[in-house]
Amino acid sequence: MTQRSTTDDWRNRDTKALFEAVLSLDNVDEAARFFRDLCTRHELEELAARWTVVRLLTEGHSYRAIHDMSGVSTATITRINEWLRHGTGGYAETLQRLGLAEAPQ
């Protein structure tokens, strides 16, 4: 029988170092160069597609419309929406900082 991991099992010295590296970047151009060196083109496209899904969900688009616009499967859209609604709040906080969502009431 496999044991389910807790939601924070991914937090470790290596992920902390990665996040600190990201926070050291000064602008979009630096971020683009860092992520292009860090990730494959496919990985970057997948990350960008997920962020697109988050934004489209926030705008109120249906799963089918999001699939048609992004090419992301409805199963993945469902998982992203679950994290958007019941995750750690990272999506909501970032959307708010970017002016793409209102602050919670």
PDB file of N, CA and C in Angstrom:
ATOM      1  N   MET A   1       0.844  -1.174   0.000  1.00  0.00           N
ATOM      2  CA  MET A   1       0.000   0.000   0.000  1.00  0.00           C
ATOM      3  C   MET A   1       0.890   1.238   0.000  1.00  0.00           C
ATOM      4  N   THR A   2       0.603   2.162  -0.903  1.00  0.00           N
ATOM      5  CA  THR A   2       1.389   3.383  -0.952  1.00  0.00           C
ATOM      6  C   THR A   2       0.803   4.414  -0.005  1.00  0.00           C
ATOM      7  N   GLN A   3       1.695   5.223   0.522  1.00  0.00           N
ATOM      8  CA  GLN A   3       1.277   6.260   1.449  1.00  0.00           C
ATOM      9  C   GLN A   3       1.111   7.572   0.702  1.00  0.00           C
ATOM     10  N   ARG A   4       0.012   8.259   0.953  1.00  0.00           N
ATOM     11  CA  ARG A   4      -0.211   9.561   0.321  1.00  0.00           C
ATOM     12  C   ARG A   4       0.722  10.589   0.940  1.00  0.00           C
ATOM     13  N   SER A   5       1.290  11.424   0.103  1.00  0.00           N
ATOM     14  CA  SER A   5       2.172  12.463   0.622  1.00  0.00           C
ATOM     15  C   SER A   5       1.343  13.668   1.056  1.00  0.00           C
ATOM     16  N   THR A   6       1.893  14.429   1.969  1.00  0.00           N
ATOM     17  CA  THR A   6       1.222  15.655   2.379  1.00  0.00           C
ATOM     18  C   THR A   6       1.506  16.730   1.345  1.00  0.00           C
ATOM     19  N   THR A   7       0.733  17.792   1.390  1.00  0.00           N
ATOM     20  CA  THR A   7       0.870  18.832   0.381  1.00  0.00           C
ATOM     21  C   THR A   7       2.202  19.564   0.448  1.00  0.00           C
ATOM     22  N   ASP A   8       2.911  19.495   1.559  1.00  0.00           N
ATOM     23  CA  ASP A   8       4.178  20.211   1.686  1.00  0.00           C
ATOM     24  C   ASP A   8       5.397  19.320   1.494  1.00  0.00           C
ATOM     25  N   ASP A   9       5.227  18.068   1.068  1.00  0.00           N
ATOM     26  CA  ASP A   9       6.370  17.180   0.862  1.00  0.00           C
ATOM     27  C   ASP A   9       7.317  17.679  -0.214  1.00  0.00           C
ATOM     28  N   TRP A  10       6.855  18.506  -1.102  1.00  0.00           N
ATOM     29  CA  TRP A  10       7.686  19.025  -2.184  1.00  0.00           C
ATOM     30  C   TRP A  10       8.593  20.152  -1.711  1.00  0.00           C
ATOM     31  N   ARG A  11       8.320  20.723  -0.559  1.00  0.00           N
ATOM     32  CA  ARG A  11       9.150  21.811  -0.034  1.00  0.00           C
ATOM     33  C   ARG A  11      10.425  21.236   0.571  1.00  0.00           C
ATOM     34  N   ASN A  12      11.546  21.647   0.022  1.00  0.00           N
ATOM     35  CA  ASN A  12      12.832  21.171   0.536  1.00  0.00           C
ATOM     36  C   ASN A  12      13.911  22.207   0.200  1.00  0.00           C
ATOM     37  N   ARG A  13      15.144  21.887   0.500  1.00  0.00           N
ATOM     38  CA  ARG A  13      16.268  22.800   0.271  1.00  0.00           C
ATOM     39  C   ARG A  13      16.358  23.198  -1.205  1.00  0.00           C
ATOM     40  N   ASP A  14      16.140  22.244  -2.094  1.00  0.00           N
ATOM     41  CA  ASP A  14      16.267  22.524  -3.526  1.00  0.00           C
ATOM     42  C   ASP A  14      15.163  23.423  -4.055  1.00  0.00           C
ATOM     43  N   THR A  15      13.913  23.176  -3.639  1.00  0.00           N
ATOM     44  CA  THR A  15      12.837  24.046  -4.108  1.00  0.00           C
ATOM     45  C   THR A  15      12.992  25.446  -3.515  1.00  0.00           C
ATOM     46  N   LYS A  16      13.448  25.533  -2.271  1.00  0.00           N
ATOM     47  CA  LYS A  16      13.697  26.850  -1.673  1.00  0.00           C
ATOM     48  C   LYS A  16      14.759  27.606  -2.465  1.00  0.00           C
ATOM     49  N   ALA A  17      15.832  26.927  -2.833  1.00  0.00           N
ATOM     50  CA  ALA A  17      16.897  27.567  -3.624  1.00  0.00           C
ATOM     51  C   ALA A  17      16.358  28.040  -4.974  1.00  0.00           C
ATOM     52  N   LEU A  18      15.492  27.254  -5.605  1.00  0.00           N
ATOM     53  CA  LEU A  18      14.889  27.650  -6.869  1.00  0.00           C
ATOM     54  C   LEU A  18      14.054  28.911  -6.695  1.00  0.00           C
ATOM     55  N   PHE A  19      13.208  28.942  -5.685  1.00  0.00           N
ATOM     56  CA  PHE A  19      12.347  30.098  -5.464  1.00  0.00           C
ATOM     57  C   PHE A  19      13.169  31.341  -5.132  1.00  0.00           C
ATOM     58  N   GLU A  20      14.248  31.177  -4.389  1.00  0.00           N
ATOM     59  CA  GLU A  20      15.126  32.311  -4.096  1.00  0.00           C
ATOM     60  C   GLU A  20      15.779  32.832  -5.375  1.00  0.00           C
ATOM     61  N   ALA A  21      16.155  31.920  -6.270  1.00  0.00           N
ATOM     62  CA  ALA A  21      16.727  32.339  -7.549  1.00  0.00           C
ATOM     63  C   ALA A  21      15.711  33.140  -8.352  1.00  0.00           C
ATOM     64  N   VAL A  22      14.471  32.673  -8.394  1.00  0.00           N
ATOM     65  CA  VAL A  22      13.416  33.386  -9.122  1.00  0.00           C
ATOM     66  C   VAL A  22      13.206  34.775  -8.519  1.00  0.00           C
ATOM     67  N   LEU A  23      13.189  34.849  -7.201  1.00  0.00           N
ATOM     68  CA  LEU A  23      12.977  36.140  -6.546  1.00  0.00           C
ATOM     69  C   LEU A  23      14.138  37.111  -6.760  1.00  0.00           C
ATOM     70  N   SER A  24      15.292  36.616  -7.146  1.00  0.00           N
ATOM     71  CA  SER A  24      16.444  37.494  -7.389  1.00  0.00           C
ATOM     72  C   SER A  24      16.380  38.174  -8.754  1.00  0.00           C
ATOM     73  N   LEU A  25      15.494  37.731  -9.620  1.00  0.00           N
ATOM     74  CA  LEU A  25      15.395  38.283 -10.976  1.00  0.00           C
ATOM     75  C   LEU A  25      14.765  39.675 -10.922  1.00  0.00           C
ATOM     76  N   ASP A  26      15.294  40.579 -11.750  1.00  0.00           N
ATOM     77  CA  ASP A  26      14.865  41.978 -11.700  1.00  0.00           C
ATOM     78  C   ASP A  26      13.780  42.358 -12.685  1.00  0.00           C
ATOM     79  N   ASN A  27      13.634  41.612 -13.786  1.00  0.00           N
ATOM     80  CA  ASN A  27      12.667  42.037 -14.794  1.00  0.00           C
ATOM     81  C   ASN A  27      12.267  40.857 -15.675  1.00  0.00           C
ATOM     82  N   VAL A  28      11.331  41.102 -16.573  1.00  0.00           N
ATOM     83  CA  VAL A  28      10.798  40.047 -17.433  1.00  0.00           C
ATOM     84  C   VAL A  28      11.887  39.451 -18.323  1.00  0.00           C
ATOM     85  N   ASP A  29      12.779  40.291 -18.834  1.00  0.00           N
ATOM     86  CA  ASP A  29      13.840  39.790 -19.702  1.00  0.00           C
ATOM     87  C   ASP A  29      14.765  38.833 -18.946  1.00  0.00           C
ATOM     88  N   GLU A  30      15.134  39.187 -17.717  1.00  0.00           N
ATOM     89  CA  GLU A  30      15.959  38.288 -16.908  1.00  0.00           C
ATOM     90  C   GLU A  30      15.212  36.984 -16.632  1.00  0.00           C
ATOM     91  N   ALA A  31      13.933  37.091 -16.316  1.00  0.00           N
ATOM     92  CA  ALA A  31      13.125  35.904 -16.055  1.00  0.00           C
ATOM     93  C   ALA A  31      13.056  35.020 -17.291  1.00  0.00           C
ATOM     94  N   ALA A  32      12.871  35.634 -18.443  1.00  0.00           N
ATOM     95  CA  ALA A  32      12.796  34.871 -19.692  1.00  0.00           C
ATOM     96  C   ALA A  32      14.094  34.110 -19.929  1.00  0.00           C
ATOM     97  N   ARG A  33      15.224  34.759 -19.732  1.00  0.00           N
ATOM     98  CA  ARG A  33      16.509  34.092 -19.952  1.00  0.00           C
ATOM     99  C   ARG A  33      16.727  32.972 -18.935  1.00  0.00           C
ATOM    100  N   PHE A  34      16.386  33.233 -17.675  1.00  0.00           N
ATOM    101  CA  PHE A  34      16.557  32.217 -16.635  1.00  0.00           C
ATOM    102  C   PHE A  34      15.701  30.986 -16.930  1.00  0.00           C
ATOM    103  N   PHE A  35      14.408  31.211 -17.186  1.00  0.00           N
ATOM    104  CA  PHE A  35      13.509  30.081 -17.417  1.00  0.00           C
ATOM    105  C   PHE A  35      13.837  29.347 -18.710  1.00  0.00           C
ATOM    106  N   ARG A  36      14.332  30.054 -19.717  1.00  0.00           N
ATOM    107  CA  ARG A  36      14.707  29.368 -20.965  1.00  0.00           C
ATOM    108  C   ARG A  36      15.910  28.469 -20.743  1.00  0.00           C
ATOM    109  N   ASP A  37      16.844  28.906 -19.895  1.00  0.00           N
ATOM    110  CA  ASP A  37      17.985  28.054 -19.569  1.00  0.00           C
ATOM    111  C   ASP A  37      17.572  26.896 -18.659  1.00  0.00           C
ATOM    112  N   LEU A  38      16.623  27.138 -17.780  1.00  0.00           N
ATOM    113  CA  LEU A  38      16.198  26.129 -16.802  1.00  0.00           C
ATOM    114  C   LEU A  38      15.304  25.058 -17.418  1.00  0.00           C
ATOM    115  N   CYS A  39      14.400  25.466 -18.290  1.00  0.00           N
ATOM    116  CA  CYS A  39      13.359  24.571 -18.788  1.00  0.00           C
ATOM    117  C   CYS A  39      13.547  24.255 -20.275  1.00  0.00           C
ATOM    118  N   THR A  40      12.985  23.116 -20.676  1.00  0.00           N
ATOM    119  CA  THR A  40      12.904  22.844 -22.108  1.00  0.00           C
ATOM    120  C   THR A  40      11.815  23.740 -22.697  1.00  0.00           C
ATOM    121  N   ARG A  41      11.819  23.856 -23.988  1.00  0.00           N
ATOM    122  CA  ARG A  41      10.780  24.657 -24.647  1.00  0.00           C
ATOM    123  C   ARG A  41       9.397  24.089 -24.318  1.00  0.00           C
ATOM    124  N   HIS A  42       9.263  22.775 -24.331  1.00  0.00           N
ATOM    125  CA  HIS A  42       7.981  22.142 -24.017  1.00  0.00           C
ATOM    126  C   HIS A  42       7.545  22.465 -22.583  1.00  0.00           C
ATOM    127  N   GLU A  43       8.469  22.411 -21.636  1.00  0.00           N
ATOM    128  CA  GLU A  43       8.130  22.730 -20.249  1.00  0.00           C
ATOM    129  C   GLU A  43       7.653  24.177 -20.124  1.00  0.00           C
ATOM    130  N   LEU A  44       8.333  25.088 -20.808  1.00  0.00           N
ATOM    131  CA  LEU A  44       7.915  26.494 -20.785  1.00  0.00           C
ATOM    132  C   LEU A  44       6.523  26.662 -21.390  1.00  0.00           C
ATOM    133  N   GLU A  45       6.274  25.975 -22.492  1.00  0.00           N
ATOM    134  CA  GLU A  45       4.958  26.056 -23.129  1.00  0.00           C
ATOM    135  C   GLU A  45       3.874  25.512 -22.208  1.00  0.00           C
ATOM    136  N   GLU A  46       4.175  24.430 -21.494  1.00  0.00           N
ATOM    137  CA  GLU A  46       3.208  23.853 -20.556  1.00  0.00           C
ATOM    138  C   GLU A  46       2.923  24.807 -19.399  1.00  0.00           C
ATOM    139  N   LEU A  47       3.958  25.406 -18.840  1.00  0.00           N
ATOM    140  CA  LEU A  47       3.769  26.369 -17.751  1.00  0.00           C
ATOM    141  C   LEU A  47       2.954  27.566 -18.222  1.00  0.00           C
ATOM    142  N   ALA A  48       3.289  28.083 -19.398  1.00  0.00           N
ATOM    143  CA  ALA A  48       2.556  29.226 -19.938  1.00  0.00           C
ATOM    144  C   ALA A  48       1.097  28.868 -20.198  1.00  0.00           C
ATOM    145  N   ALA A  49       0.844  27.676 -20.711  1.00  0.00           N
ATOM    146  CA  ALA A  49      -0.532  27.242 -20.977  1.00  0.00           C
ATOM    147  C   ALA A  49      -1.319  27.146 -19.675  1.00  0.00           C
ATOM    148  N   ARG A  50      -0.696  26.645 -18.622  1.00  0.00           N
ATOM    149  CA  ARG A  50      -1.383  26.552 -17.331  1.00  0.00           C
ATOM    150  C   ARG A  50      -1.737  27.939 -16.800  1.00  0.00           C
ATOM    151  N   TRP A  51      -0.794  28.888 -16.938  1.00  0.00           N
ATOM    152  CA  TRP A  51      -1.074  30.246 -16.479  1.00  0.00           C
ATOM    153  C   TRP A  51      -2.186  30.876 -17.319  1.00  0.00           C
ATOM    154  N   THR A  52      -2.222  30.580 -18.601  1.00  0.00           N
ATOM    155  CA  THR A  52      -3.312  31.048 -19.461  1.00  0.00           C
ATOM    156  C   THR A  52      -4.641  30.498 -18.963  1.00  0.00           C
ATOM    157  N   VAL A  53      -4.673  29.222 -18.612  1.00  0.00           N
ATOM    158  CA  VAL A  53      -5.902  28.603 -18.098  1.00  0.00           C
ATOM    159  C   VAL A  53      -6.357  29.312 -16.825  1.00  0.00           C
ATOM    160  N   VAL A  54      -5.438  29.606 -15.929  1.00  0.00           N
ATOM    161  CA  VAL A  54      -5.795  30.306 -14.693  1.00  0.00           C
ATOM    162  C   VAL A  54      -6.466  31.635 -15.015  1.00  0.00           C
ATOM    163  N   ARG A  55      -5.870  32.393 -15.914  1.00  0.00           N
ATOM    164  CA  ARG A  55      -6.422  33.698 -16.276  1.00  0.00           C
ATOM    165  C   ARG A  55      -7.794  33.562 -16.935  1.00  0.00           C
ATOM    166  N   LEU A  56      -7.941  32.586 -17.822  1.00  0.00           N
ATOM    167  CA  LEU A  56      -9.223  32.397 -18.502  1.00  0.00           C
ATOM    168  C   LEU A  56     -10.308  31.927 -17.530  1.00  0.00           C
ATOM    169  N   LEU A  57      -9.952  31.067 -16.581  1.00  0.00           N
ATOM    170  CA  LEU A  57     -10.916  30.658 -15.558  1.00  0.00           C
ATOM    171  C   LEU A  57     -11.372  31.864 -14.748  1.00  0.00           C
ATOM    172  N   THR A  58     -10.429  32.722 -14.397  1.00  0.00           N
ATOM    173  CA  THR A  58     -10.743  33.916 -13.617  1.00  0.00           C
ATOM    174  C   THR A  58     -11.670  34.851 -14.379  1.00  0.00           C
ATOM    175  N   GLU A  59     -11.533  34.859 -15.706  1.00  0.00           N
ATOM    176  CA  GLU A  59     -12.405  35.686 -16.545  1.00  0.00           C
ATOM    177  C   GLU A  59     -13.779  35.065 -16.733  1.00  0.00           C
ATOM    178  N   GLY A  60     -13.980  33.830 -16.250  1.00  0.00           N
ATOM    179  CA  GLY A  60     -15.293  33.204 -16.306  1.00  0.00           C
ATOM    180  C   GLY A  60     -15.580  32.363 -17.529  1.00  0.00           C
ATOM    181  N   HIS A  61     -14.571  32.045 -18.318  1.00  0.00           N
ATOM    182  CA  HIS A  61     -14.778  31.217 -19.506  1.00  0.00           C
ATOM    183  C   HIS A  61     -15.107  29.770 -19.121  1.00  0.00           C
ATOM    184  N   SER A  62     -15.863  29.102 -19.955  1.00  0.00           N
ATOM    185  CA  SER A  62     -16.197  27.693 -19.729  1.00  0.00           C
ATOM    186  C   SER A  62     -14.989  26.818 -20.032  1.00  0.00           C
ATOM    187  N   TYR A  63     -15.012  25.610 -19.505  1.00  0.00           N
ATOM    188  CA  TYR A  63     -13.925  24.664 -19.769  1.00  0.00           C
ATOM    189  C   TYR A  63     -13.767  24.425 -21.268  1.00  0.00           C
ATOM    190  N   ARG A  64     -14.877  24.272 -21.969  1.00  0.00           N
ATOM    191  CA  ARG A  64     -14.825  24.011 -23.404  1.00  0.00           C
ATOM    192  C   ARG A  64     -14.183  25.187 -24.139  1.00  0.00           C
ATOM    193  N   ALA A  65     -14.577  26.418 -23.777  1.00  0.00           N
ATOM    194  CA  ALA A  65     -13.996  27.604 -24.411  1.00  0.00           C
ATOM    195  C   ALA A  65     -12.502  27.704 -24.111  1.00  0.00           C
ATOM    196  N   ILE A  66     -12.130  27.395 -22.876  1.00  0.00           N
ATOM    197  CA  ILE A  66     -10.712  27.442 -22.506  1.00  0.00           C
ATOM    198  C   ILE A  66      -9.938  26.395 -23.299  1.00  0.00           C
ATOM    199  N   HIS A  67     -10.501  25.208 -23.419  1.00  0.00           N
ATOM    200  CA  HIS A  67      -9.855  24.166 -24.228  1.00  0.00           C
ATOM    201  C   HIS A  67      -9.676  24.643 -25.666  1.00  0.00           C
ATOM    202  N   ASP A  68     -10.720  25.232 -26.230  1.00  0.00           N
ATOM    203  CA  ASP A  68     -10.656  25.706 -27.614  1.00  0.00           C
ATOM    204  C   ASP A  68      -9.619  26.813 -27.786  1.00  0.00           C
ATOM    205  N   MET A  69      -9.497  27.691 -26.796  1.00  0.00           N
ATOM    206  CA  MET A  69      -8.547  28.807 -26.886  1.00  0.00           C
ATOM    207  C   MET A  69      -7.109  28.381 -26.604  1.00  0.00           C
ATOM    208  N   SER A  70      -6.935  27.413 -25.699  1.00  0.00           N
ATOM    209  CA  SER A  70      -5.585  27.087 -25.226  1.00  0.00           C
ATOM    210  C   SER A  70      -5.064  25.739 -25.701  1.00  0.00           C
ATOM    211  N   GLY A  71      -5.969  24.836 -26.055  1.00  0.00           N
ATOM    212  CA  GLY A  71      -5.556  23.486 -26.410  1.00  0.00           C
ATOM    213  C   GLY A  71      -5.319  22.589 -25.205  1.00  0.00           C
ATOM    214  N   VAL A  72      -5.481  23.121 -24.003  1.00  0.00           N
ATOM    215  CA  VAL A  72      -5.302  22.344 -22.774  1.00  0.00           C
ATOM    216  C   VAL A  72      -6.512  21.438 -22.588  1.00  0.00           C
ATOM    217  N   SER A  73      -6.259  20.209 -22.160  1.00  0.00           N
ATOM    218  CA  SER A  73      -7.351  19.248 -21.984  1.00  0.00           C
ATOM    219  C   SER A  73      -8.290  19.694 -20.868  1.00  0.00           C
ATOM    220  N   THR A  74      -9.543  19.271 -20.973  1.00  0.00           N
ATOM    221  CA  THR A  74     -10.506  19.631 -19.931  1.00  0.00           C
ATOM    222  C   THR A  74     -10.139  18.988 -18.598  1.00  0.00           C
ATOM    223  N   ALA A  75      -9.481  17.836 -18.625  1.00  0.00           N
ATOM    224  CA  ALA A  75      -9.030  17.202 -17.374  1.00  0.00           C
ATOM    225  C   ALA A  75      -8.004  18.091 -16.671  1.00  0.00           C
ATOM    226  N   THR A  76      -7.073  18.637 -17.434  1.00  0.00           N
ATOM    227  CA  THR A  76      -6.065  19.534 -16.849  1.00  0.00           C
ATOM    228  C   THR A  76      -6.711  20.831 -16.384  1.00  0.00           C
ATOM    229  N   ILE A  77      -7.661  21.346 -17.149  1.00  0.00           N
ATOM    230  CA  ILE A  77      -8.379  22.556 -16.744  1.00  0.00           C
ATOM    231  C   ILE A  77      -9.093  22.315 -15.425  1.00  0.00           C
ATOM    232  N   THR A  78      -9.698  21.143 -15.273  1.00  0.00           N
ATOM    233  CA  THR A  78     -10.380  20.797 -14.021  1.00  0.00           C
ATOM    234  C   THR A  78      -9.400  20.808 -12.859  1.00  0.00           C
ATOM    235  N   ARG A  79      -8.223  20.199 -13.040  1.00  0.00           N
ATOM    236  CA  ARG A  79      -7.216  20.166 -11.965  1.00  0.00           C
ATOM    237  C   ARG A  79      -6.735  21.575 -11.624  1.00  0.00           C
ATOM    238  N   ILE A  80      -6.503  22.394 -12.640  1.00  0.00           N
ATOM    239  CA  ILE A  80      -6.059  23.766 -12.398  1.00  0.00           C
ATOM    240  C   ILE A  80      -7.133  24.538 -11.637  1.00  0.00           C
ATOM    241  N   ASN A  81      -8.384  24.359 -12.022  1.00  0.00           N
ATOM    242  CA  ASN A  81      -9.477  25.046 -11.338  1.00  0.00           C
ATOM    243  C   ASN A  81      -9.588  24.596  -9.879  1.00  0.00           C
ATOM    244  N   GLU A  82      -9.330  23.334  -9.636  1.00  0.00           N
ATOM    245  CA  GLU A  82      -9.367  22.834  -8.255  1.00  0.00           C
ATOM    246  C   GLU A  82      -8.309  23.542  -7.409  1.00  0.00           C
ATOM    247  N   TRP A  83      -7.110  23.699  -7.953  1.00  0.00           N
ATOM    248  CA  TRP A  83      -6.045  24.403  -7.228  1.00  0.00           C
ATOM    249  C   TRP A  83      -6.358  25.895  -7.124  1.00  0.00           C
ATOM    250  N   LEU A  84      -6.978  26.459  -8.142  1.00  0.00           N
ATOM    251  CA  LEU A  84      -7.367  27.867  -8.101  1.00  0.00           C
ATOM    252  C   LEU A  84      -8.360  28.114  -6.969  1.00  0.00           C
ATOM    253  N   ARG A  85      -9.296  27.197  -6.815  1.00  0.00           N
ATOM    254  CA  ARG A  85     -10.353  27.366  -5.803  1.00  0.00           C
ATOM    255  C   ARG A  85      -9.950  26.870  -4.420  1.00  0.00           C
ATOM    256  N   HIS A  86      -9.125  25.801  -4.359  1.00  0.00           N
ATOM    257  CA  HIS A  86      -8.850  25.167  -3.066  1.00  0.00           C
ATOM    258  C   HIS A  86      -7.362  24.937  -2.810  1.00  0.00           C
ATOM    259  N   GLY A  87      -6.510  25.633  -3.521  1.00  0.00           N
ATOM    260  CA  GLY A  87      -5.068  25.439  -3.358  1.00  0.00           C
ATOM    261  C   GLY A  87      -4.504  26.275  -2.224  1.00  0.00           C
ATOM    262  N   THR A  88      -3.264  26.642  -2.353  1.00  0.00           N
ATOM    263  CA  THR A  88      -2.575  27.385  -1.300  1.00  0.00           C
ATOM    264  C   THR A  88      -2.799  28.882  -1.373  1.00  0.00           C
ATOM    265  N   GLY A  89      -3.482  29.353  -2.415  1.00  0.00           N
ATOM    266  CA  GLY A  89      -3.740  30.773  -2.577  1.00  0.00           C
ATOM    267  C   GLY A  89      -2.733  31.484  -3.467  1.00  0.00           C
ATOM    268  N   GLY A  90      -1.784  30.734  -3.991  1.00  0.00           N
ATOM    269  CA  GLY A  90      -0.755  31.327  -4.836  1.00  0.00           C
ATOM    270  C   GLY A  90      -1.301  31.933  -6.109  1.00  0.00           C
ATOM    271  N   TYR A  91      -2.235  31.245  -6.746  1.00  0.00           N
ATOM    272  CA  TYR A  91      -2.843  31.795  -7.961  1.00  0.00           C
ATOM    273  C   TYR A  91      -3.565  33.101  -7.635  1.00  0.00           C
ATOM    274  N   ALA A  92      -4.424  33.068  -6.615  1.00  0.00           N
ATOM    275  CA  ALA A  92      -5.244  34.231  -6.272  1.00  0.00           C
ATOM    276  C   ALA A  92      -4.373  35.426  -5.906  1.00  0.00           C
ATOM    277  N   GLU A  93      -3.344  35.196  -5.128  1.00  0.00           N
ATOM    278  CA  GLU A  93      -2.452  36.278  -4.714  1.00  0.00           C
ATOM    279  C   GLU A  93      -1.751  36.907  -5.920  1.00  0.00           C
ATOM    280  N   THR A  94      -1.283  36.081  -6.818  1.00  0.00           N
ATOM    281  CA  THR A  94      -0.583  36.584  -7.999  1.00  0.00           C
ATOM    282  C   THR A  94      -1.538  37.311  -8.938  1.00  0.00           C
ATOM    283  N   LEU A  95      -2.711  36.756  -9.148  1.00  0.00           N
ATOM    284  CA  LEU A  95      -3.714  37.429  -9.979  1.00  0.00           C
ATOM    285  C   LEU A  95      -4.045  38.806  -9.411  1.00  0.00           C
ATOM    286  N   GLN A  96      -4.199  38.878  -8.107  1.00  0.00           N
ATOM    287  CA  GLN A  96      -4.512  40.145  -7.450  1.00  0.00           C
ATOM    288  C   GLN A  96      -3.363  41.132  -7.644  1.00  0.00           C
ATOM    289  N   ARG A  97      -2.142  40.704  -7.440  1.00  0.00           N
ATOM    290  CA  ARG A  97      -0.978  41.590  -7.602  1.00  0.00           C
ATOM    291  C   ARG A  97      -0.845  42.123  -9.013  1.00  0.00           C
ATOM    292  N   LEU A  98      -1.251  41.318  -9.980  1.00  0.00           N
ATOM    293  CA  LEU A  98      -1.189  41.730 -11.377  1.00  0.00           C
ATOM    294  C   LEU A  98      -2.412  42.529 -11.812  1.00  0.00           C
ATOM    295  N   GLY A  99      -3.349  42.727 -10.890  1.00  0.00           N
ATOM    296  CA  GLY A  99      -4.560  43.473 -11.206  1.00  0.00           C
ATOM    297  C   GLY A  99      -5.551  42.697 -12.039  1.00  0.00           C
ATOM    298  N   LEU A 100      -5.444  41.364 -12.016  1.00  0.00           N
ATOM    299  CA  LEU A 100      -6.324  40.503 -12.810  1.00  0.00           C
ATOM    300  C   LEU A 100      -7.472  39.924 -11.987  1.00  0.00           C
ATOM    301  N   ALA A 101      -7.495  40.218 -10.689  1.00  0.00           N
ATOM    302  CA  ALA A 101      -8.564  39.742  -9.821  1.00  0.00           C
ATOM    303  C   ALA A 101      -8.698  40.739  -8.678  1.00  0.00           C
ATOM    304  N   GLU A 102      -9.892  40.808  -8.146  1.00  0.00           N
ATOM    305  CA  GLU A 102     -10.138  41.694  -7.016  1.00  0.00           C
ATOM    306  C   GLU A 102      -9.675  41.048  -5.729  1.00  0.00           C
ATOM    307  N   ALA A 103      -9.364  41.874  -4.753  1.00  0.00           N
ATOM    308  CA  ALA A 103      -8.998  41.373  -3.433  1.00  0.00           C
ATOM    309  C   ALA A 103     -10.201  40.690  -2.803  1.00  0.00           C
ATOM    310  N   PRO A 104      -9.951  39.625  -2.052  1.00  0.00           N
ATOM    311  CA  PRO A 104     -11.078  38.955  -1.383  1.00  0.00           C
ATOM    312  C   PRO A 104     -11.784  39.905  -0.425  1.00  0.00           C
ATOM    313  N   GLN A 105     -13.091  39.756  -0.330  1.00  0.00           N
ATOM    314  CA  GLN A 105     -13.902  40.615   0.548  1.00  0.00           C
ATOM    315  C   GLN A 105     -13.839  40.141   1.977  1.00  0.00           C
TER     316      GLN A 105
END
